[in-house]
């Protein structure tokens, strides 16, 4: 299964950018985003920004991902995985 994750663009140099989430920085290509700007939230899949999203949607997605990560850690700690 492949997922896209929301990242906030914090640097741009041509079509190369840096996106961040929770202090983690990732290189991102912004070829598919029209007029990307620092501060934009984008959904990133396989290193490419595939769409711009509003901040509310991005933050909700990040919260849901954090809940899933917490549950997966609890399952692993219980020896279920």
N, C-alpha and C. Protein backbone atom coordinates (compact mmCIF):
# COMPACT_ATOMS: atom_id res chain seq x y z
N UNK A 1 0.85 -1.16 0.00
CA UNK A 1 0.00 0.00 0.00
C UNK A 1 0.90 1.23 0.00
N UNK A 2 0.54 2.19 -0.80
CA UNK A 2 1.30 3.44 -0.89
C UNK A 2 0.46 4.58 -0.35
N UNK A 3 1.09 5.47 0.37
CA UNK A 3 0.40 6.61 0.95
C UNK A 3 1.10 7.90 0.57
N UNK A 4 0.31 8.94 0.46
CA UNK A 4 0.86 10.28 0.33
C UNK A 4 0.78 10.92 1.70
N UNK A 5 1.78 11.71 2.05
CA UNK A 5 1.80 12.37 3.36
C UNK A 5 1.86 13.89 3.17
N UNK A 6 1.19 14.62 4.05
CA UNK A 6 1.24 16.08 3.93
C UNK A 6 2.53 16.62 4.54
N UNK A 7 3.19 17.48 3.79
CA UNK A 7 4.38 18.16 4.29
C UNK A 7 4.22 19.66 4.02
N UNK A 8 4.83 20.46 4.86
CA UNK A 8 4.84 21.91 4.67
C UNK A 8 6.13 22.28 3.95
N UNK A 9 6.02 23.02 2.86
CA UNK A 9 7.20 23.44 2.12
C UNK A 9 7.93 24.51 2.92
N UNK A 10 9.23 24.25 3.18
CA UNK A 10 10.01 25.21 3.97
C UNK A 10 11.17 25.81 3.17
N UNK A 11 11.50 25.20 2.03
CA UNK A 11 12.54 25.73 1.14
C UNK A 11 12.16 25.39 -0.29
N UNK A 12 12.51 26.28 -1.22
CA UNK A 12 12.29 26.01 -2.65
C UNK A 12 13.50 26.50 -3.42
N UNK A 13 13.96 25.65 -4.35
CA UNK A 13 15.02 26.03 -5.26
C UNK A 13 14.67 25.42 -6.62
N UNK A 14 13.98 26.20 -7.45
CA UNK A 14 13.51 25.66 -8.73
C UNK A 14 12.43 24.63 -8.48
N UNK A 15 12.60 23.42 -9.03
CA UNK A 15 11.64 22.34 -8.80
C UNK A 15 12.03 21.45 -7.62
N UNK A 16 13.14 21.78 -6.96
CA UNK A 16 13.55 21.07 -5.76
C UNK A 16 13.08 21.87 -4.55
N UNK A 17 12.51 21.15 -3.60
CA UNK A 17 12.04 21.81 -2.38
C UNK A 17 12.37 20.92 -1.19
N UNK A 18 12.12 21.47 -0.02
CA UNK A 18 12.24 20.71 1.22
C UNK A 18 10.90 20.84 1.93
N UNK A 19 10.36 19.68 2.31
CA UNK A 19 9.12 19.65 3.08
C UNK A 19 9.41 19.16 4.47
N UNK A 20 8.58 19.58 5.43
CA UNK A 20 8.82 19.18 6.82
C UNK A 20 7.53 18.77 7.50
N UNK A 21 7.69 17.85 8.45
CA UNK A 21 6.61 17.43 9.34
C UNK A 21 7.25 16.98 10.64
N UNK A 22 6.79 17.50 11.74
CA UNK A 22 7.28 17.11 13.06
C UNK A 22 8.80 17.17 13.16
N UNK A 23 9.40 18.20 12.56
CA UNK A 23 10.84 18.37 12.64
C UNK A 23 11.64 17.53 11.67
N UNK A 24 10.98 16.68 10.91
CA UNK A 24 11.67 15.84 9.92
C UNK A 24 11.59 16.53 8.57
N UNK A 25 12.74 16.66 7.93
CA UNK A 25 12.82 17.33 6.64
C UNK A 25 13.02 16.29 5.54
N UNK A 26 12.33 16.50 4.42
CA UNK A 26 12.43 15.57 3.28
C UNK A 26 12.59 16.35 1.99
N UNK A 27 13.43 15.86 1.09
CA UNK A 27 13.49 16.49 -0.23
C UNK A 27 12.20 16.19 -0.99
N UNK A 28 11.71 17.19 -1.71
CA UNK A 28 10.45 17.06 -2.44
C UNK A 28 10.61 17.73 -3.80
N UNK A 29 10.13 17.07 -4.84
CA UNK A 29 10.06 17.68 -6.17
C UNK A 29 8.69 18.34 -6.29
N UNK A 30 8.65 19.55 -6.82
CA UNK A 30 7.39 20.28 -6.94
C UNK A 30 7.00 20.53 -8.39
N UNK A 31 7.45 19.66 -9.28
CA UNK A 31 7.17 19.79 -10.71
C UNK A 31 5.67 19.89 -11.03
N UNK A 32 4.85 19.18 -10.25
CA UNK A 32 3.42 19.09 -10.54
C UNK A 32 2.58 20.15 -9.85
N UNK A 33 3.21 21.02 -9.08
CA UNK A 33 2.49 22.05 -8.32
C UNK A 33 2.69 23.40 -9.02
N UNK A 34 1.58 24.03 -9.38
CA UNK A 34 1.66 25.34 -10.02
C UNK A 34 2.00 26.41 -8.99
N UNK A 35 3.06 27.13 -9.24
CA UNK A 35 3.50 28.25 -8.41
C UNK A 35 3.60 27.89 -6.92
N UNK A 36 4.45 26.90 -6.57
CA UNK A 36 4.59 26.54 -5.16
C UNK A 36 5.23 27.67 -4.36
N UNK A 37 4.81 27.78 -3.12
CA UNK A 37 5.34 28.83 -2.24
C UNK A 37 5.73 28.23 -0.89
N UNK A 38 6.72 28.84 -0.25
CA UNK A 38 7.09 28.45 1.11
C UNK A 38 5.86 28.66 2.00
N UNK A 39 5.58 27.64 2.81
CA UNK A 39 4.41 27.69 3.68
C UNK A 39 3.25 26.88 3.16
N UNK A 40 3.28 26.52 1.85
CA UNK A 40 2.23 25.67 1.29
C UNK A 40 2.30 24.28 1.89
N UNK A 41 1.16 23.66 2.07
CA UNK A 41 1.09 22.24 2.42
C UNK A 41 0.83 21.47 1.15
N UNK A 42 1.57 20.39 0.96
CA UNK A 42 1.40 19.55 -0.22
C UNK A 42 1.37 18.09 0.19
N UNK A 43 0.62 17.30 -0.57
CA UNK A 43 0.63 15.86 -0.37
C UNK A 43 1.81 15.31 -1.17
N UNK A 44 2.66 14.52 -0.52
CA UNK A 44 3.88 14.02 -1.14
C UNK A 44 3.82 12.50 -1.24
N UNK A 45 4.07 12.01 -2.44
CA UNK A 45 4.12 10.57 -2.69
C UNK A 45 5.39 10.28 -3.48
N UNK A 46 6.20 9.36 -2.99
CA UNK A 46 7.44 8.95 -3.66
C UNK A 46 8.33 10.15 -3.98
N UNK A 47 8.35 11.13 -3.07
CA UNK A 47 9.23 12.28 -3.24
C UNK A 47 8.69 13.39 -4.12
N UNK A 48 7.47 13.23 -4.64
CA UNK A 48 6.86 14.24 -5.50
C UNK A 48 5.63 14.83 -4.83
N UNK A 49 5.54 16.16 -4.83
CA UNK A 49 4.32 16.82 -4.38
C UNK A 49 3.27 16.60 -5.47
N UNK A 50 2.15 15.98 -5.09
CA UNK A 50 1.15 15.64 -6.11
C UNK A 50 -0.08 16.55 -6.06
N UNK A 51 -0.28 17.26 -4.95
CA UNK A 51 -1.34 18.24 -4.89
C UNK A 51 -1.14 19.16 -3.71
N UNK A 52 -1.66 20.36 -3.83
CA UNK A 52 -1.63 21.33 -2.73
C UNK A 52 -2.88 21.06 -1.88
N UNK A 53 -2.75 21.16 -0.56
CA UNK A 53 -3.88 21.01 0.34
C UNK A 53 -3.90 22.18 1.32
N UNK A 54 -5.09 22.47 1.86
CA UNK A 54 -5.13 23.57 2.82
C UNK A 54 -4.57 23.10 4.16
N UNK A 55 -4.22 24.05 4.98
CA UNK A 55 -3.55 23.75 6.25
C UNK A 55 -4.43 22.89 7.16
N UNK A 56 -5.72 23.15 7.19
CA UNK A 56 -6.62 22.38 8.05
C UNK A 56 -6.63 20.91 7.66
N UNK A 57 -6.73 20.64 6.36
CA UNK A 57 -6.72 19.25 5.88
C UNK A 57 -5.39 18.57 6.18
N UNK A 58 -4.28 19.30 5.97
CA UNK A 58 -2.96 18.74 6.24
C UNK A 58 -2.79 18.40 7.71
N UNK A 59 -3.21 19.30 8.60
CA UNK A 59 -3.06 19.06 10.03
C UNK A 59 -3.96 17.91 10.50
N UNK A 60 -5.17 17.80 9.95
CA UNK A 60 -6.04 16.69 10.30
C UNK A 60 -5.40 15.37 9.86
N UNK A 61 -4.86 15.34 8.66
CA UNK A 61 -4.19 14.13 8.16
C UNK A 61 -3.01 13.76 9.05
N UNK A 62 -2.24 14.75 9.49
CA UNK A 62 -1.11 14.49 10.37
C UNK A 62 -1.57 13.94 11.72
N UNK A 63 -2.66 14.46 12.25
CA UNK A 63 -3.19 13.97 13.53
C UNK A 63 -3.65 12.52 13.40
N UNK A 64 -4.34 12.21 12.30
CA UNK A 64 -4.80 10.84 12.09
C UNK A 64 -3.63 9.88 11.94
N UNK A 65 -2.59 10.31 11.22
CA UNK A 65 -1.40 9.47 11.07
C UNK A 65 -0.74 9.23 12.42
N UNK A 66 -0.70 10.24 13.26
CA UNK A 66 -0.11 10.09 14.59
C UNK A 66 -0.90 9.09 15.44
N UNK A 67 -2.22 9.10 15.31
CA UNK A 67 -3.05 8.13 16.04
C UNK A 67 -2.76 6.70 15.57
N UNK A 68 -2.65 6.53 14.26
CA UNK A 68 -2.34 5.20 13.71
C UNK A 68 -0.97 4.74 14.19
N UNK A 69 0.02 5.64 14.14
CA UNK A 69 1.37 5.29 14.60
C UNK A 69 1.36 4.88 16.08
N UNK A 70 0.58 5.57 16.90
CA UNK A 70 0.49 5.26 18.33
C UNK A 70 -0.12 3.87 18.53
N UNK A 71 -1.19 3.58 17.80
CA UNK A 71 -1.83 2.27 17.92
C UNK A 71 -0.91 1.15 17.43
N UNK A 72 -0.19 1.40 16.34
CA UNK A 72 0.73 0.38 15.83
C UNK A 72 1.84 0.11 16.84
N UNK A 73 2.34 1.15 17.50
CA UNK A 73 3.37 0.96 18.53
C UNK A 73 2.82 0.14 19.69
N UNK A 74 1.58 0.39 20.07
CA UNK A 74 0.97 -0.36 21.17
C UNK A 74 0.81 -1.84 20.77
N UNK A 75 0.41 -2.09 19.54
CA UNK A 75 0.26 -3.46 19.06
C UNK A 75 1.60 -4.17 19.07
N UNK A 76 2.64 -3.50 18.56
CA UNK A 76 3.97 -4.10 18.54
C UNK A 76 4.46 -4.40 19.96
N UNK A 77 4.22 -3.48 20.87
CA UNK A 77 4.65 -3.66 22.25
C UNK A 77 3.93 -4.85 22.90
N UNK A 78 2.72 -5.11 22.45
CA UNK A 78 1.96 -6.23 22.99
C UNK A 78 2.27 -7.54 22.32
N UNK A 79 3.17 -7.52 21.34
CA UNK A 79 3.59 -8.74 20.66
C UNK A 79 2.63 -9.24 19.59
N UNK A 80 1.73 -8.36 19.12
CA UNK A 80 0.76 -8.79 18.13
C UNK A 80 1.31 -8.75 16.70
N UNK A 81 2.35 -7.99 16.48
CA UNK A 81 2.96 -7.92 15.14
C UNK A 81 4.38 -8.40 15.17
